[in-house]
Amino acid sequence: MSLPKTTDAAAKQILDSTRVYREYARAKREAERYQGSIFWKKVGAYEYLAQKVQGKVTYSGARSPETEREFKEFKQRQDALKQRLRKLKLSVESCQRLNKAVRAGAVPTSVVDVLRRLEEAGLSEASVVLGTPALFAYGQPAGVRLEEVSSPAHGNVVEEAKHHLQVLVHASESAVQAALPSLKDDVDLCVAHAGGGGERTYYLFEFKFHSKHAAQKCIAKDAHWRTVATEMAQSLEHAGKFEQVVIGKTGAMATMRTLDPKFFALVNQTAVKVRSASLPDPELLEWQAALVESLISDDLLIPKLPEAESRRAASKIEELVFKADR
């Protein structure tokens, strides 16, 4: 398959900026362990080492050489991380300006914005992006400009990403409820329970952007992913091993966690094979699968899961979801 490539300048900028953003995200995750304040709390005749995070105070133990060392190390690391994050934030902002200048990114702004909100809400690491937007995570490191790839009958193969985003999230109900106000800001969001129980549950987040009519058409085309998510969420989470810093059209960056590319292609192929008559656009799914397979066969994209494992998971979905649902 002949595919349009990114320019040399854009390819170099993608490498540089994604490396900086990964380090920024890593430092932010480490900084979460050093949130709040640490201090000595006098209780009666004793002093205890205490840490306060979001109004909750926890105690580590009475004052001793060990807790004094813990106090000192915490303060030093907290200060160092604050300085590191300030510098990295400036580097990220500079990279984002350069990204826009060389047209390094193609991900719709609305998608990047949602991914950033998931990061800020602490839900990113427990998320798996489904459907068409995942193609950006595959095409960008392969150096392919997906916004210029079209199928004969359908047109642009990533058009749906402008209007609709599905994200499977495995989190506690309290974490989801706390995140909803920021996630719902300026977008139409539907949240459905997708199975599981106990401390953490699976939720399917469906975001609609821009035209509601266009979004509804896209939702119909990605309906097979909704079916799989609600019936086999754990399998999708296990297959969600592919992680990529993606770049938007404005240059903004975010981390996308999505399905292993081989698994993505196999599920699309299986849906077409078993349920072609009921799919609104089987030709689009075939083209998306062929695109991903082409990137893999040309060694431009490396799957994270062993192929045999992806095939077993896809076969299980075929038997338990697609055939059972007919």
Protein backbone atom coordinates (compact mmCIF):
# COMPACT_ATOMS: atom_id res chain seq x y z
CA MET A 1 0.00 0.00 0.00
CA SER A 2 1.46 3.38 -1.05
CA LEU A 3 1.12 5.85 1.82
CA PRO A 4 1.90 9.59 2.12
CA LYS A 5 4.90 10.24 4.37
CA THR A 6 5.64 13.04 6.79
CA THR A 7 8.40 15.49 5.81
CA ASP A 8 11.90 15.00 7.19
CA ALA A 9 11.52 18.14 9.30
CA ALA A 10 8.23 16.91 10.76
CA ALA A 11 9.62 13.41 11.39
CA LYS A 12 12.56 14.83 13.37
CA GLN A 13 10.28 17.13 15.31
CA ILE A 14 7.95 14.23 16.18
CA LEU A 15 10.86 12.28 17.64
CA ASP A 16 12.15 15.24 19.65
CA SER A 17 8.83 16.49 20.97
CA THR A 18 7.40 13.08 21.91
CA ARG A 19 10.60 12.31 23.85
CA VAL A 20 10.21 15.56 25.81
CA TYR A 21 6.52 14.94 26.50
CA ARG A 22 7.18 11.37 27.71
CA GLU A 23 9.69 12.70 30.23
CA TYR A 24 7.23 15.40 31.29
CA ALA A 25 4.48 12.79 31.82
CA ARG A 26 6.89 10.53 33.73
CA ALA A 27 7.94 13.39 36.03
CA LYS A 28 4.29 14.29 36.65
CA ARG A 29 3.51 10.70 37.65
CA GLU A 30 6.46 10.66 40.06
CA ALA A 31 5.42 14.04 41.48
CA GLU A 32 2.03 12.55 42.40
CA ARG A 33 3.83 10.52 45.08
CA TYR A 34 5.09 13.75 46.60
CA GLN A 35 1.81 15.67 46.73
CA GLY A 36 0.72 17.84 49.61
CA SER A 37 2.81 18.88 52.58
CA ILE A 38 4.90 16.98 55.11
CA PHE A 39 5.38 18.24 58.66
CA TRP A 40 5.87 17.32 62.29
CA LYS A 41 2.72 17.07 64.40
CA LYS A 42 2.98 17.27 68.19
CA VAL A 43 0.63 14.92 70.03
CA GLY A 44 1.05 15.01 73.77
CA ALA A 45 4.70 14.44 74.62
CA TYR A 46 5.56 13.07 71.17
CA GLU A 47 6.05 14.38 67.64
CA TYR A 48 4.84 12.42 64.62
CA LEU A 49 5.70 12.73 60.94
CA ALA A 50 2.53 13.67 59.09
CA GLN A 51 1.60 14.18 55.44
CA LYS A 52 -1.45 16.12 54.30
CA VAL A 53 -2.88 15.48 50.81
CA GLN A 54 -6.20 17.01 49.71
CA GLY A 55 -7.26 17.56 53.31
CA LYS A 56 -6.44 14.02 54.47
CA VAL A 57 -3.65 13.59 57.05
CA THR A 58 -1.67 10.36 57.41
CA TYR A 59 1.02 9.59 59.98
CA SER A 60 4.28 7.72 59.36
CA GLY A 61 5.56 7.32 62.91
CA ALA A 62 7.09 9.03 65.90
CA ARG A 63 10.09 11.27 65.48
CA SER A 64 13.25 9.19 65.10
CA PRO A 65 16.39 9.15 62.97
CA GLU A 66 14.46 7.10 60.39
CA THR A 67 11.46 9.47 60.14
CA GLU A 68 13.78 12.50 60.13
CA ARG A 69 15.59 10.98 57.15
CA GLU A 70 12.23 10.31 55.49
CA PHE A 71 11.20 13.94 56.07
CA LYS A 72 14.46 15.27 54.59
CA GLU A 73 14.35 12.97 51.54
CA PHE A 74 10.69 13.82 50.86
CA LYS A 75 11.34 17.58 50.92
CA GLN A 76 14.43 17.29 48.73
CA ARG A 77 12.72 15.12 46.14
CA GLN A 78 9.56 17.25 46.16
CA ASP A 79 11.58 20.43 45.55
CA ALA A 80 13.68 18.78 42.83
CA LEU A 81 10.58 17.53 41.02
CA LYS A 82 8.91 20.95 41.17
CA GLN A 83 11.96 22.51 39.50
CA ARG A 84 12.17 19.68 36.96
CA LEU A 85 8.50 20.02 36.04
CA ARG A 86 8.78 23.78 35.57
CA LYS A 87 11.65 23.30 33.11
CA LEU A 88 9.94 20.43 31.30
CA LYS A 89 6.70 22.39 30.99
CA LEU A 90 8.57 25.18 29.23
CA SER A 91 10.22 22.60 26.94
CA VAL A 92 6.82 21.06 26.13
CA GLU A 93 5.38 24.47 25.28
CA SER A 94 8.34 25.19 23.00
CA CYS A 95 7.97 21.79 21.30
CA GLN A 96 4.27 22.38 20.75
CA ARG A 97 4.97 25.66 18.95
CA LEU A 98 7.50 23.89 16.71
CA ASN A 99 5.06 21.02 16.13
CA LYS A 100 2.57 23.47 14.69
CA ALA A 101 5.20 25.27 12.62
CA VAL A 102 6.33 22.10 10.80
CA ARG A 103 2.84 20.49 10.71
CA ALA A 104 4.03 17.55 12.79
CA GLY A 105 0.57 16.63 14.09
CA ALA A 106 -2.72 15.57 12.57
CA VAL A 107 -4.84 14.43 15.53
CA PRO A 108 -8.10 16.42 15.88
CA THR A 109 -7.83 19.07 18.59
CA SER A 110 -10.91 17.72 20.38
CA VAL A 111 -9.32 14.28 20.73
CA VAL A 112 -6.06 15.67 22.15
CA ASP A 113 -8.05 17.83 24.55
CA VAL A 114 -9.97 14.83 25.93
CA LEU A 115 -6.77 12.80 26.31
CA ARG A 116 -5.19 15.67 28.27
CA ARG A 117 -8.26 15.86 30.52
CA LEU A 118 -8.01 12.13 31.20
CA GLU A 119 -4.36 12.65 32.16
CA GLU A 120 -5.24 15.50 34.52
CA ALA A 121 -8.02 13.39 36.09
CA GLY A 122 -5.65 10.48 36.72
CA LEU A 123 -7.58 8.16 34.39
CA SER A 124 -5.17 8.01 31.44
CA GLU A 125 -3.19 4.96 32.58
CA ALA A 126 -6.43 3.03 33.08
CA SER A 127 -7.82 3.96 29.65
CA VAL A 128 -7.95 2.30 26.22
CA VAL A 129 -8.93 4.33 23.13
CA LEU A 130 -11.12 2.33 20.73
CA GLY A 131 -12.02 2.70 17.07
CA THR A 132 -10.82 5.12 14.41
CA PRO A 133 -8.78 7.54 16.60
CA ALA A 134 -6.40 4.68 17.45
CA LEU A 135 -5.06 4.91 13.89
CA PHE A 136 -3.25 8.13 14.80
CA ALA A 137 -1.22 6.24 17.43
CA TYR A 138 -0.20 3.76 14.72
CA GLY A 139 0.42 6.16 11.85
CA GLN A 140 2.43 8.85 13.65
CA PRO A 141 5.46 6.73 14.68
CA ALA A 142 5.34 5.08 11.25
CA GLY A 143 5.78 8.49 9.61
CA VAL A 144 2.47 8.33 7.72
CA ARG A 145 0.13 11.30 7.22
CA LEU A 146 -3.18 9.58 7.87
CA GLU A 147 -5.22 12.69 7.13
CA GLU A 148 -4.16 12.21 3.49
CA VAL A 149 -5.10 8.50 3.28
CA SER A 150 -8.44 7.75 1.59
CA SER A 151 -10.37 4.68 0.51
CA PRO A 152 -12.11 4.69 -2.91
CA ALA A 153 -15.64 4.46 -1.55
CA HIS A 154 -15.42 6.08 1.86
CA GLY A 155 -12.93 8.92 1.59
CA ASN A 156 -10.59 9.81 4.45
CA VAL A 157 -10.01 6.81 6.73
CA VAL A 158 -9.76 8.89 9.92
CA GLU A 159 -12.65 11.30 9.28
CA GLU A 160 -14.72 9.77 12.12
CA ALA A 161 -12.11 10.85 14.69
CA LYS A 162 -13.21 14.48 14.21
CA HIS A 163 -16.66 13.68 15.55
CA HIS A 164 -16.51 10.74 17.93
CA LEU A 165 -14.18 9.19 20.52
CA GLN A 166 -14.69 5.98 22.51
CA VAL A 167 -12.55 5.32 25.58
CA LEU A 168 -12.76 2.27 27.84
CA VAL A 169 -11.79 3.18 31.42
CA HIS A 170 -11.14 0.83 34.35
CA ALA A 171 -11.48 2.87 37.52
CA SER A 172 -13.37 3.32 40.75
CA GLU A 173 -16.77 4.98 40.68
CA SER A 174 -15.47 7.79 42.89
CA ALA A 175 -12.60 8.53 40.48
CA VAL A 176 -14.98 8.61 37.51
CA GLN A 177 -17.48 10.85 39.31
CA ALA A 178 -14.71 13.26 40.31
CA ALA A 179 -13.50 13.47 36.69
CA LEU A 180 -16.89 13.97 35.02
CA PRO A 181 -17.20 17.78 35.46
CA SER A 182 -13.93 18.45 33.62
CA LEU A 183 -14.55 15.73 31.01
CA LYS A 184 -18.01 17.06 30.19
CA ASP A 185 -16.85 20.64 29.72
CA ASP A 186 -17.71 21.78 26.16
CA VAL A 187 -18.34 18.24 24.86
CA ASP A 188 -21.26 15.81 24.74
CA LEU A 189 -20.30 12.82 26.90
CA CYS A 190 -22.18 9.58 27.53
CA VAL A 191 -20.86 7.16 30.17
CA ALA A 192 -22.04 3.54 30.27
CA HIS A 193 -21.21 0.74 32.66
CA ALA A 194 -19.19 -1.89 30.79
CA GLY A 195 -18.96 -4.69 33.33
CA GLY A 196 -16.84 -5.68 36.27
CA GLY A 197 -17.34 -5.00 39.92
CA GLY A 198 -15.54 -4.55 43.20
CA GLU A 199 -13.29 -1.60 43.84
CA ARG A 200 -12.83 -0.81 40.13
CA THR A 201 -15.36 -1.03 37.30
CA TYR A 202 -15.22 -0.76 33.51
CA TYR A 203 -16.84 2.31 31.98
CA LEU A 204 -17.26 3.18 28.31
CA PHE A 205 -16.89 6.92 27.69
CA GLU A 206 -18.32 8.15 24.37
CA PHE A 207 -17.50 11.72 23.40
CA LYS A 208 -19.34 13.53 20.58
CA PHE A 209 -17.73 16.56 18.97
CA HIS A 210 -19.06 19.31 16.71
CA SER A 211 -22.09 18.30 14.60
CA LYS A 212 -24.41 15.90 16.45
CA HIS A 213 -25.65 14.51 13.12
CA ALA A 214 -22.09 13.69 12.01
CA ALA A 215 -21.31 12.25 15.44
CA GLN A 216 -24.31 9.92 15.29
CA LYS A 217 -23.17 8.57 11.91
CA CYS A 218 -19.70 7.92 13.32
CA ILE A 219 -21.15 6.22 16.40
CA ALA A 220 -23.00 3.82 14.12
CA LYS A 221 -19.80 2.99 12.22
CA ASP A 222 -17.92 2.22 15.44
CA ALA A 223 -20.82 0.29 17.00
CA HIS A 224 -18.93 -3.02 16.90
CA TRP A 225 -16.34 -1.59 19.31
CA ARG A 226 -19.12 -0.60 21.71
CA THR A 227 -20.48 -4.15 21.58
CA VAL A 228 -17.06 -5.66 22.31
CA ALA A 229 -16.36 -3.15 25.11
CA THR A 230 -19.61 -3.85 26.94
CA GLU A 231 -19.30 -7.64 26.65
CA MET A 232 -15.54 -8.27 26.84
CA ALA A 233 -14.02 -5.23 28.52
CA GLN A 234 -11.30 -7.23 30.25
CA SER A 235 -10.03 -8.62 26.93
CA LEU A 236 -9.82 -5.10 25.49
CA GLU A 237 -7.96 -3.85 28.53
CA HIS A 238 -5.44 -6.69 28.18
CA ALA A 239 -4.98 -5.83 24.49
CA GLY A 240 -4.57 -2.13 25.30
CA LYS A 241 -0.78 -2.35 25.39
CA PHE A 242 0.06 0.24 22.75
CA GLU A 243 1.08 3.65 24.09
CA GLN A 244 2.06 6.66 21.99
CA VAL A 245 2.43 10.39 22.53
CA VAL A 246 0.22 11.87 19.81
CA ILE A 247 0.38 15.36 18.35
CA GLY A 248 -2.63 17.46 17.43
CA LYS A 249 -3.08 19.87 14.55
CA THR A 250 -2.37 22.79 16.88
CA GLY A 251 0.85 21.15 18.07
CA ALA A 252 -0.57 20.14 21.46
CA MET A 253 0.45 16.70 22.74
CA ALA A 254 -1.10 13.96 24.87
CA THR A 255 -0.55 10.30 25.65
CA MET A 256 -2.86 7.84 23.90
CA ARG A 257 -3.16 4.31 25.22
CA THR A 258 -4.89 2.07 22.74
CA LEU A 259 -5.19 -1.46 21.38
CA ASP A 260 -2.30 -3.46 20.05
CA PRO A 261 -2.33 -2.74 16.27
CA LYS A 262 -2.49 -6.39 15.20
CA PHE A 263 -5.43 -6.96 17.53
CA PHE A 264 -7.16 -3.83 16.17
CA ALA A 265 -6.83 -5.11 12.59
CA LEU A 266 -8.03 -8.61 13.51
CA VAL A 267 -11.15 -7.35 15.30
CA ASN A 268 -12.07 -5.15 12.30
CA GLN A 269 -11.55 -8.11 9.95
CA THR A 270 -13.60 -10.39 12.19
CA ALA A 271 -16.47 -7.89 12.40
CA VAL A 272 -16.59 -7.65 8.60
CA LYS A 273 -16.41 -11.43 8.16
CA VAL A 274 -19.17 -12.25 10.65
CA ARG A 275 -21.46 -9.22 10.59
CA SER A 276 -20.86 -7.53 7.23
CA ALA A 277 -24.57 -7.29 6.39
CA SER A 278 -25.36 -5.38 9.59
CA LEU A 279 -22.40 -2.99 9.51
CA PRO A 280 -23.05 0.53 8.14
CA ASP A 281 -19.65 0.75 6.41
CA PRO A 282 -17.77 -2.60 6.24
CA GLU A 283 -15.52 -1.23 3.48
CA LEU A 284 -14.11 1.39 5.87
CA LEU A 285 -13.27 -1.26 8.48
CA GLU A 286 -11.54 -3.36 5.82
CA TRP A 287 -9.47 -0.37 4.71
CA GLN A 288 -8.48 0.51 8.26
CA ALA A 289 -7.41 -3.09 8.89
CA ALA A 290 -5.46 -3.21 5.61
CA LEU A 291 -3.74 0.07 6.49
CA VAL A 292 -2.56 -1.26 9.86
CA GLU A 293 -1.48 -4.58 8.36
CA SER A 294 0.53 -2.68 5.75
CA LEU A 295 2.35 -0.67 8.42
CA ILE A 296 3.18 -3.89 10.29
CA SER A 297 4.34 -5.81 7.21
CA ASP A 298 6.58 -2.91 6.15
CA ASP A 299 8.18 -2.89 9.64
CA LEU A 300 6.95 0.65 10.24
CA LEU A 301 4.84 -0.46 13.21
CA ILE A 302 5.74 -3.07 15.82
CA PRO A 303 2.91 -4.83 17.71
CA LYS A 304 3.34 -5.27 21.46
CA LEU A 305 1.35 -8.50 21.82
CA PRO A 306 2.51 -11.80 20.27
CA GLU A 307 0.47 -12.44 17.10
CA ALA A 308 -0.77 -15.80 18.41
CA GLU A 309 -2.18 -14.05 21.49
CA SER A 310 -3.93 -11.42 19.37
CA ARG A 311 -5.46 -14.12 17.17
CA ARG A 312 -6.74 -16.10 20.18
CA ALA A 313 -8.34 -12.97 21.63
CA ALA A 314 -9.94 -12.05 18.29
CA SER A 315 -11.29 -15.61 17.86
CA LYS A 316 -12.79 -15.44 21.34
CA ILE A 317 -14.51 -12.16 20.47
CA GLU A 318 -15.80 -13.71 17.23
CA GLU A 319 -17.39 -16.63 19.06
CA LEU A 320 -18.64 -14.92 22.21
CA VAL A 321 -19.66 -11.52 20.83
CA PHE A 322 -20.17 -11.27 17.08
CA LYS A 323 -21.64 -14.72 16.38
CA ALA A 324 -23.63 -14.80 19.61
CA ASP A 325 -25.06 -11.35 18.88
CA ARG A 326 -26.42 -12.19 15.43
